[in-house]
């Protein structure tokens, strides 16, 4: 009889673990659909200086963990491009002023894109959430709260991440990023839209809770389930 109880307990533990991972995986898939391309408006907002606005084309193949950004405006950055691979750990940049492609140093991969509150790593698929964090799920009615705690021995910028999501569609409402007990940044998802059966937030706001700076990412247009040319994510063709 004791062995039966033990067997049931083990199954409960594993089913809970699988459920937590499955829910987190569903949320990640909503944040990073398999393939997409679109046009984005980026607005950097500061408490003590003028806003800065950028516009760029965005190409994403999350099945291969690759993203490409090509700036359209302002004139100062027009035609500059960034190719992001490997969860944002490998980034190649093309600057139209110098006509050169170069790989960015590793410490720059965590910096904000065009001095925004979004890092290059934020643009990709967050596979490390599944691998580097222990996940706890709290479900109440149609709301889901996931608490991700960094595993022992793992180094990461954030020691805890809290995700509040809609349990009906797994779309996040907000994500809170913590270093120890400090809520460093909060990401808000606004203005839900549907395109070809894909539901997405057309506006994302990343707020730096220390500096009070914000970056607004607004999706001007987007297409899902895109078939890309084989060489579009080739660092040797960034200057094309």
C-alpha atoms as a PDB file:
ATOM      1  CA  UNK A   1       0.000   0.000   0.000  1.00  0.00           C
ATOM      2  CA  UNK A   2       2.842   2.394   0.831  1.00  0.00           C
ATOM      3  CA  UNK A   3       4.396   1.828  -2.604  1.00  0.00           C
ATOM      4  CA  UNK A   4       1.061   2.704  -4.266  1.00  0.00           C
ATOM      5  CA  UNK A   5       0.906   6.014  -2.378  1.00  0.00           C
ATOM      6  CA  UNK A   6       4.505   6.741  -3.339  1.00  0.00           C
ATOM      7  CA  UNK A   7       3.736   6.002  -6.994  1.00  0.00           C
ATOM      8  CA  UNK A   8       0.749   8.375  -6.919  1.00  0.00           C
ATOM      9  CA  UNK A   9       2.809  11.100  -5.227  1.00  0.00           C
ATOM     10  CA  UNK A  10       5.561  10.831  -7.827  1.00  0.00           C
ATOM     11  CA  UNK A  11       3.028  11.085 -10.632  1.00  0.00           C
ATOM     12  CA  UNK A  12       1.455  14.173  -9.051  1.00  0.00           C
ATOM     13  CA  UNK A  13       4.843  15.852  -8.720  1.00  0.00           C
ATOM     14  CA  UNK A  14       5.785  15.132 -12.310  1.00  0.00           C
ATOM     15  CA  UNK A  15       2.389  16.158 -13.678  1.00  0.00           C
ATOM     16  CA  UNK A  16       2.639  19.485 -11.828  1.00  0.00           C
ATOM     17  CA  UNK A  17       6.135  20.044 -13.167  1.00  0.00           C
ATOM     18  CA  UNK A  18       5.059  19.186 -16.712  1.00  0.00           C
ATOM     19  CA  UNK A  19       2.044  21.465 -16.376  1.00  0.00           C
ATOM     20  CA  UNK A  20       4.213  24.394 -15.242  1.00  0.00           C
ATOM     21  CA  UNK A  21       6.660  23.892 -18.103  1.00  0.00           C
ATOM     22  CA  UNK A  22       3.847  23.445 -20.615  1.00  0.00           C
ATOM     23  CA  UNK A  23       2.141  26.679 -19.520  1.00  0.00           C
ATOM     24  CA  UNK A  24       5.415  28.609 -19.666  1.00  0.00           C
ATOM     25  CA  UNK A  25       6.169  27.129 -23.090  1.00  0.00           C
ATOM     26  CA  UNK A  26       2.733  28.241 -24.329  1.00  0.00           C
ATOM     27  CA  UNK A  27       3.400  31.785 -23.117  1.00  0.00           C
ATOM     28  CA  UNK A  28       6.834  31.835 -24.769  1.00  0.00           C
ATOM     29  CA  UNK A  29       5.238  30.670 -28.031  1.00  0.00           C
ATOM     30  CA  UNK A  30       2.779  33.564 -27.844  1.00  0.00           C
ATOM     31  CA  UNK A  31       5.631  36.017 -27.271  1.00  0.00           C
ATOM     32  CA  UNK A  32       7.743  34.507 -30.045  1.00  0.00           C
ATOM     33  CA  UNK A  33       5.636  32.965 -32.853  1.00  0.00           C
ATOM     34  CA  UNK A  34       7.491  30.672 -35.248  1.00  0.00           C
ATOM     35  CA  UNK A  35       7.983  33.199 -38.062  1.00  0.00           C
ATOM     36  CA  UNK A  36       6.875  36.793 -38.552  1.00  0.00           C
ATOM     37  CA  UNK A  37       7.819  40.041 -40.218  1.00  0.00           C
ATOM     38  CA  UNK A  38       6.546  43.559 -39.788  1.00  0.00           C
ATOM     39  CA  UNK A  39       7.184  47.233 -39.252  1.00  0.00           C
ATOM     40  CA  UNK A  40       7.792  48.596 -35.753  1.00  0.00           C
ATOM     41  CA  UNK A  41       7.800  52.041 -34.187  1.00  0.00           C
ATOM     42  CA  UNK A  42      10.190  52.446 -31.253  1.00  0.00           C
ATOM     43  CA  UNK A  43       9.786  55.453 -28.935  1.00  0.00           C
ATOM     44  CA  UNK A  44      12.327  56.050 -26.178  1.00  0.00           C
ATOM     45  CA  UNK A  45      10.770  58.156 -23.418  1.00  0.00           C
ATOM     46  CA  UNK A  46      12.830  59.825 -20.719  1.00  0.00           C
ATOM     47  CA  UNK A  47      11.764  61.818 -17.624  1.00  0.00           C
ATOM     48  CA  UNK A  48      14.318  64.568 -18.233  1.00  0.00           C
ATOM     49  CA  UNK A  49      14.870  64.846 -21.999  1.00  0.00           C
ATOM     50  CA  UNK A  50      13.113  64.744 -25.346  1.00  0.00           C
ATOM     51  CA  UNK A  51      11.601  61.528 -26.702  1.00  0.00           C
ATOM     52  CA  UNK A  52      13.394  59.719 -29.531  1.00  0.00           C
ATOM     53  CA  UNK A  53      11.501  57.821 -32.228  1.00  0.00           C
ATOM     54  CA  UNK A  54      12.752  55.119 -34.589  1.00  0.00           C
ATOM     55  CA  UNK A  55      11.131  52.984 -37.262  1.00  0.00           C
ATOM     56  CA  UNK A  56      12.407  49.629 -38.446  1.00  0.00           C
ATOM     57  CA  UNK A  57      11.568  46.461 -40.339  1.00  0.00           C
ATOM     58  CA  UNK A  58      11.573  43.294 -38.262  1.00  0.00           C
ATOM     59  CA  UNK A  59      12.100  39.719 -39.476  1.00  0.00           C
ATOM     60  CA  UNK A  60      11.925  36.799 -37.039  1.00  0.00           C
ATOM     61  CA  UNK A  61      12.461  33.050 -37.373  1.00  0.00           C
ATOM     62  CA  UNK A  62      12.157  31.717 -33.836  1.00  0.00           C
ATOM     63  CA  UNK A  63      12.373  28.107 -34.994  1.00  0.00           C
ATOM     64  CA  UNK A  64      16.021  28.888 -35.735  1.00  0.00           C
ATOM     65  CA  UNK A  65      16.377  31.581 -33.044  1.00  0.00           C
ATOM     66  CA  UNK A  66      17.204  34.404 -35.470  1.00  0.00           C
ATOM     67  CA  UNK A  67      15.943  37.977 -35.745  1.00  0.00           C
ATOM     68  CA  UNK A  68      16.837  40.733 -38.181  1.00  0.00           C
ATOM     69  CA  UNK A  69      16.243  44.457 -37.650  1.00  0.00           C
ATOM     70  CA  UNK A  70      16.623  47.010 -40.474  1.00  0.00           C
ATOM     71  CA  UNK A  71      16.171  50.679 -39.559  1.00  0.00           C
ATOM     72  CA  UNK A  72      14.078  52.918 -41.798  1.00  0.00           C
ATOM     73  CA  UNK A  73      14.266  56.186 -39.849  1.00  0.00           C
ATOM     74  CA  UNK A  74      15.477  58.617 -38.629  1.00  0.00           C
ATOM     75  CA  UNK A  75      18.023  59.497 -41.282  1.00  0.00           C
ATOM     76  CA  UNK A  76      20.939  59.105 -38.854  1.00  0.00           C
ATOM     77  CA  UNK A  77      20.352  55.343 -38.505  1.00  0.00           C
ATOM     78  CA  UNK A  78      18.628  54.597 -41.817  1.00  0.00           C
ATOM     79  CA  UNK A  79      19.836  51.291 -43.344  1.00  0.00           C
ATOM     80  CA  UNK A  80      21.633  50.263 -40.148  1.00  0.00           C
ATOM     81  CA  UNK A  81      20.921  46.578 -39.477  1.00  0.00           C
ATOM     82  CA  UNK A  82      21.262  44.109 -36.608  1.00  0.00           C
ATOM     83  CA  UNK A  83      21.215  40.331 -36.911  1.00  0.00           C
ATOM     84  CA  UNK A  84      20.483  38.562 -33.621  1.00  0.00           C
ATOM     85  CA  UNK A  85      21.142  34.854 -33.092  1.00  0.00           C
ATOM     86  CA  UNK A  86      21.447  32.353 -30.239  1.00  0.00           C
ATOM     87  CA  UNK A  87      19.118  34.038 -27.701  1.00  0.00           C
ATOM     88  CA  UNK A  88      20.759  37.387 -28.323  1.00  0.00           C
ATOM     89  CA  UNK A  89      24.235  36.103 -27.465  1.00  0.00           C
ATOM     90  CA  UNK A  90      25.537  36.576 -31.025  1.00  0.00           C
ATOM     91  CA  UNK A  91      24.846  39.893 -32.747  1.00  0.00           C
ATOM     92  CA  UNK A  92      26.168  41.252 -36.010  1.00  0.00           C
ATOM     93  CA  UNK A  93      25.703  44.910 -36.896  1.00  0.00           C
ATOM     94  CA  UNK A  94      25.888  46.797 -40.181  1.00  0.00           C
ATOM     95  CA  UNK A  95      26.395  50.558 -40.020  1.00  0.00           C
ATOM     96  CA  UNK A  96      25.667  52.418 -43.252  1.00  0.00           C
ATOM     97  CA  UNK A  97      28.062  55.233 -42.373  1.00  0.00           C
ATOM     98  CA  UNK A  98      31.106  52.926 -42.314  1.00  0.00           C
ATOM     99  CA  UNK A  99      29.723  50.342 -44.791  1.00  0.00           C
ATOM    100  CA  UNK A 100      31.036  47.602 -42.521  1.00  0.00           C
ATOM    101  CA  UNK A 101      29.615  44.525 -40.809  1.00  0.00           C
ATOM    102  CA  UNK A 102      31.025  43.611 -37.419  1.00  0.00           C
ATOM    103  CA  UNK A 103      30.161  41.283 -34.576  1.00  0.00           C
ATOM    104  CA  UNK A 104      29.307  43.081 -31.360  1.00  0.00           C
ATOM    105  CA  UNK A 105      31.247  42.362 -28.188  1.00  0.00           C
ATOM    106  CA  UNK A 106      29.454  40.012 -25.798  1.00  0.00           C
ATOM    107  CA  UNK A 107      28.871  42.678 -23.111  1.00  0.00           C
ATOM    108  CA  UNK A 108      26.912  44.776 -25.621  1.00  0.00           C
ATOM    109  CA  UNK A 109      24.307  42.052 -26.200  1.00  0.00           C
ATOM    110  CA  UNK A 110      22.535  42.996 -22.957  1.00  0.00           C
ATOM    111  CA  UNK A 111      22.489  46.697 -23.791  1.00  0.00           C
ATOM    112  CA  UNK A 112      19.370  48.448 -25.015  1.00  0.00           C
ATOM    113  CA  UNK A 113      18.706  48.532 -28.728  1.00  0.00           C
ATOM    114  CA  UNK A 114      19.274  52.161 -29.796  1.00  0.00           C
ATOM    115  CA  UNK A 115      19.502  53.069 -26.087  1.00  0.00           C
ATOM    116  CA  UNK A 116      16.059  51.623 -25.411  1.00  0.00           C
ATOM    117  CA  UNK A 117      14.892  49.634 -22.391  1.00  0.00           C
ATOM    118  CA  UNK A 118      14.555  46.567 -24.653  1.00  0.00           C
ATOM    119  CA  UNK A 119      17.764  44.570 -24.892  1.00  0.00           C
ATOM    120  CA  UNK A 120      18.712  42.585 -27.976  1.00  0.00           C
ATOM    121  CA  UNK A 121      17.944  39.446 -25.974  1.00  0.00           C
ATOM    122  CA  UNK A 122      14.378  40.646 -25.411  1.00  0.00           C
ATOM    123  CA  UNK A 123      13.735  40.381 -29.144  1.00  0.00           C
ATOM    124  CA  UNK A 124      14.325  36.637 -29.309  1.00  0.00           C
ATOM    125  CA  UNK A 125      12.736  33.520 -27.917  1.00  0.00           C
ATOM    126  CA  UNK A 126      13.417  33.197 -24.183  1.00  0.00           C
ATOM    127  CA  UNK A 127      14.447  29.541 -24.107  1.00  0.00           C
ATOM    128  CA  UNK A 128      16.535  30.164 -21.002  1.00  0.00           C
ATOM    129  CA  UNK A 129      13.314  30.659 -19.029  1.00  0.00           C
ATOM    130  CA  UNK A 130      12.611  26.945 -19.470  1.00  0.00           C
ATOM    131  CA  UNK A 131      16.178  25.855 -18.791  1.00  0.00           C
ATOM    132  CA  UNK A 132      17.558  28.212 -16.133  1.00  0.00           C
ATOM    133  CA  UNK A 133      14.558  28.850 -13.868  1.00  0.00           C
ATOM    134  CA  UNK A 134      12.332  26.844 -11.561  1.00  0.00           C
ATOM    135  CA  UNK A 135       8.703  27.600 -12.415  1.00  0.00           C
ATOM    136  CA  UNK A 136       5.736  27.888 -10.064  1.00  0.00           C
ATOM    137  CA  UNK A 137       2.212  28.410 -11.427  1.00  0.00           C
ATOM    138  CA  UNK A 138      -0.727  29.932  -9.579  1.00  0.00           C
ATOM    139  CA  UNK A 139      -4.056  29.722 -11.440  1.00  0.00           C
ATOM    140  CA  UNK A 140      -7.189  31.610 -10.397  1.00  0.00           C
ATOM    141  CA  UNK A 141     -10.187  31.584 -12.738  1.00  0.00           C
ATOM    142  CA  UNK A 142      -8.895  32.940 -16.050  1.00  0.00           C
ATOM    143  CA  UNK A 143      -5.686  34.404 -14.606  1.00  0.00           C
ATOM    144  CA  UNK A 144      -2.272  32.743 -14.491  1.00  0.00           C
ATOM    145  CA  UNK A 145       0.683  33.928 -12.439  1.00  0.00           C
ATOM    146  CA  UNK A 146       4.056  32.307 -13.084  1.00  0.00           C
ATOM    147  CA  UNK A 147       6.994  32.871 -10.758  1.00  0.00           C
ATOM    148  CA  UNK A 148      10.370  31.977 -12.233  1.00  0.00           C
ATOM    149  CA  UNK A 149      13.243  31.599  -9.769  1.00  0.00           C
ATOM    150  CA  UNK A 150      16.814  31.353 -11.040  1.00  0.00           C
ATOM    151  CA  UNK A 151      18.330  27.950 -10.345  1.00  0.00           C
ATOM    152  CA  UNK A 152      21.388  27.631  -8.118  1.00  0.00           C
ATOM    153  CA  UNK A 153      24.657  27.877 -10.001  1.00  0.00           C
ATOM    154  CA  UNK A 154      23.136  29.728 -12.958  1.00  0.00           C
ATOM    155  CA  UNK A 155      24.253  33.259 -13.812  1.00  0.00           C
ATOM    156  CA  UNK A 156      21.658  35.646 -15.229  1.00  0.00           C
ATOM    157  CA  UNK A 157      20.763  39.323 -15.122  1.00  0.00           C
ATOM    158  CA  UNK A 158      17.467  38.543 -13.378  1.00  0.00           C
ATOM    159  CA  UNK A 159      17.080  36.291 -10.342  1.00  0.00           C
ATOM    160  CA  UNK A 160      13.282  36.289 -10.482  1.00  0.00           C
ATOM    161  CA  UNK A 161      10.678  36.877 -13.183  1.00  0.00           C
ATOM    162  CA  UNK A 162       6.938  37.145 -12.580  1.00  0.00           C
ATOM    163  CA  UNK A 163       4.533  36.722 -15.507  1.00  0.00           C
ATOM    164  CA  UNK A 164       0.845  37.634 -15.268  1.00  0.00           C
ATOM    165  CA  UNK A 165      -1.050  36.099 -18.181  1.00  0.00           C
ATOM    166  CA  UNK A 166      -4.555  35.359 -19.435  1.00  0.00           C
ATOM    167  CA  UNK A 167      -5.316  31.677 -18.907  1.00  0.00           C
ATOM    168  CA  UNK A 168      -7.685  31.601 -21.880  1.00  0.00           C
ATOM    169  CA  UNK A 169      -5.108  32.477 -24.528  1.00  0.00           C
ATOM    170  CA  UNK A 170      -1.747  32.498 -22.645  1.00  0.00           C
ATOM    171  CA  UNK A 171      -1.056  36.089 -23.660  1.00  0.00           C
ATOM    172  CA  UNK A 172       0.883  37.990 -20.961  1.00  0.00           C
ATOM    173  CA  UNK A 173      -0.537  41.146 -19.430  1.00  0.00           C
ATOM    174  CA  UNK A 174       2.745  42.123 -17.796  1.00  0.00           C
ATOM    175  CA  UNK A 175       6.168  40.712 -16.945  1.00  0.00           C
ATOM    176  CA  UNK A 176       8.167  41.864 -13.911  1.00  0.00           C
ATOM    177  CA  UNK A 177      11.942  41.427 -13.865  1.00  0.00           C
ATOM    178  CA  UNK A 178      13.761  41.269 -10.516  1.00  0.00           C
ATOM    179  CA  UNK A 179      17.397  41.413  -9.443  1.00  0.00           C
ATOM    180  CA  UNK A 180      17.277  39.924  -5.959  1.00  0.00           C
ATOM    181  CA  UNK A 181      14.266  41.678  -4.412  1.00  0.00           C
ATOM    182  CA  UNK A 182      14.333  44.762  -6.656  1.00  0.00           C
ATOM    183  CA  UNK A 183      11.800  45.028  -9.486  1.00  0.00           C
ATOM    184  CA  UNK A 184      14.192  46.466 -12.066  1.00  0.00           C
ATOM    185  CA  UNK A 185      11.869  46.542 -15.092  1.00  0.00           C
ATOM    186  CA  UNK A 186       8.237  45.895 -15.952  1.00  0.00           C
ATOM    187  CA  UNK A 187       6.947  45.003 -19.415  1.00  0.00           C
ATOM    188  CA  UNK A 188       3.317  45.849 -20.227  1.00  0.00           C
ATOM    189  CA  UNK A 189       1.289  44.440 -23.132  1.00  0.00           C
ATOM    190  CA  UNK A 190      -1.447  46.635 -24.599  1.00  0.00           C
ATOM    191  CA  UNK A 191      -3.948  46.876 -27.464  1.00  0.00           C
ATOM    192  CA  UNK A 192      -4.656  43.265 -28.415  1.00  0.00           C
ATOM    193  CA  UNK A 193      -5.244  42.592 -32.110  1.00  0.00           C
ATOM    194  CA  UNK A 194      -5.854  39.551 -34.297  1.00  0.00           C
ATOM    195  CA  UNK A 195      -4.207  38.843 -37.644  1.00  0.00           C
ATOM    196  CA  UNK A 196      -4.987  35.623 -39.522  1.00  0.00           C
ATOM    197  CA  UNK A 197      -6.028  33.867 -36.277  1.00  0.00           C
ATOM    198  CA  UNK A 198      -2.903  35.107 -34.470  1.00  0.00           C
ATOM    199  CA  UNK A 199      -3.643  37.233 -31.405  1.00  0.00           C
ATOM    200  CA  UNK A 200      -0.917  39.646 -30.310  1.00  0.00           C
ATOM    201  CA  UNK A 201      -0.292  42.815 -28.321  1.00  0.00           C
ATOM    202  CA  UNK A 202       0.278  45.640 -30.794  1.00  0.00           C
ATOM    203  CA  UNK A 203       1.929  47.815 -28.141  1.00  0.00           C
ATOM    204  CA  UNK A 204       4.588  46.841 -25.604  1.00  0.00           C
ATOM    205  CA  UNK A 205       5.950  49.181 -22.945  1.00  0.00           C
ATOM    206  CA  UNK A 206       9.163  48.390 -21.093  1.00  0.00           C
ATOM    207  CA  UNK A 207       9.509  50.573 -18.003  1.00  0.00           C
ATOM    208  CA  UNK A 208      12.758  50.995 -16.097  1.00  0.00           C
ATOM    209  CA  UNK A 209      11.592  51.275 -12.496  1.00  0.00           C
ATOM    210  CA  UNK A 210      14.881  52.799 -11.366  1.00  0.00           C
ATOM    211  CA  UNK A 211      15.283  55.579 -13.931  1.00  0.00           C
ATOM    212  CA  UNK A 212      11.578  55.952 -14.874  1.00  0.00           C
ATOM    213  CA  UNK A 213      12.554  55.766 -18.553  1.00  0.00           C
ATOM    214  CA  UNK A 214      10.241  53.839 -20.886  1.00  0.00           C
ATOM    215  CA  UNK A 215      10.427  52.348 -24.353  1.00  0.00           C
ATOM    216  CA  UNK A 216       7.242  51.902 -26.351  1.00  0.00           C
ATOM    217  CA  UNK A 217       7.292  49.317 -29.141  1.00  0.00           C
ATOM    218  CA  UNK A 218       4.310  49.701 -31.468  1.00  0.00           C
ATOM    219  CA  UNK A 219       3.592  47.153 -34.191  1.00  0.00           C
ATOM    220  CA  UNK A 220       2.538  49.142 -37.259  1.00  0.00           C
ATOM    221  CA  UNK A 221       1.919  46.022 -39.357  1.00  0.00           C
ATOM    222  CA  UNK A 222       2.786  42.351 -39.033  1.00  0.00           C
ATOM    223  CA  UNK A 223       2.499  39.059 -40.960  1.00  0.00           C
ATOM    224  CA  UNK A 224       2.785  35.591 -39.421  1.00  0.00           C
ATOM    225  CA  UNK A 225       3.759  32.198 -40.887  1.00  0.00           C
ATOM    226  CA  UNK A 226       6.289  33.781 -43.241  1.00  0.00           C
ATOM    227  CA  UNK A 227       8.518  31.749 -45.557  1.00  0.00           C
ATOM    228  CA  UNK A 228      11.894  33.484 -45.678  1.00  0.00           C
ATOM    229  CA  UNK A 229      14.605  33.225 -48.300  1.00  0.00           C
ATOM    230  CA  UNK A 230      17.401  30.926 -47.172  1.00  0.00           C
ATOM    231  CA  UNK A 231      20.016  33.668 -46.866  1.00  0.00           C
ATOM    232  CA  UNK A 232      18.001  36.478 -45.273  1.00  0.00           C
ATOM    233  CA  UNK A 233      19.606  35.800 -41.864  1.00  0.00           C
ATOM    234  CA  UNK A 234      23.148  35.706 -43.242  1.00  0.00           C
ATOM    235  CA  UNK A 235      25.573  38.112 -41.537  1.00  0.00           C
ATOM    236  CA  UNK A 236      27.599  38.337 -44.744  1.00  0.00           C
ATOM    237  CA  UNK A 237      24.624  39.917 -46.521  1.00  0.00           C
ATOM    238  CA  UNK A 238      23.663  42.553 -43.978  1.00  0.00           C
ATOM    239  CA  UNK A 239      24.945  45.296 -46.258  1.00  0.00           C
ATOM    240  CA  UNK A 240      22.571  44.312 -49.100  1.00  0.00           C
END
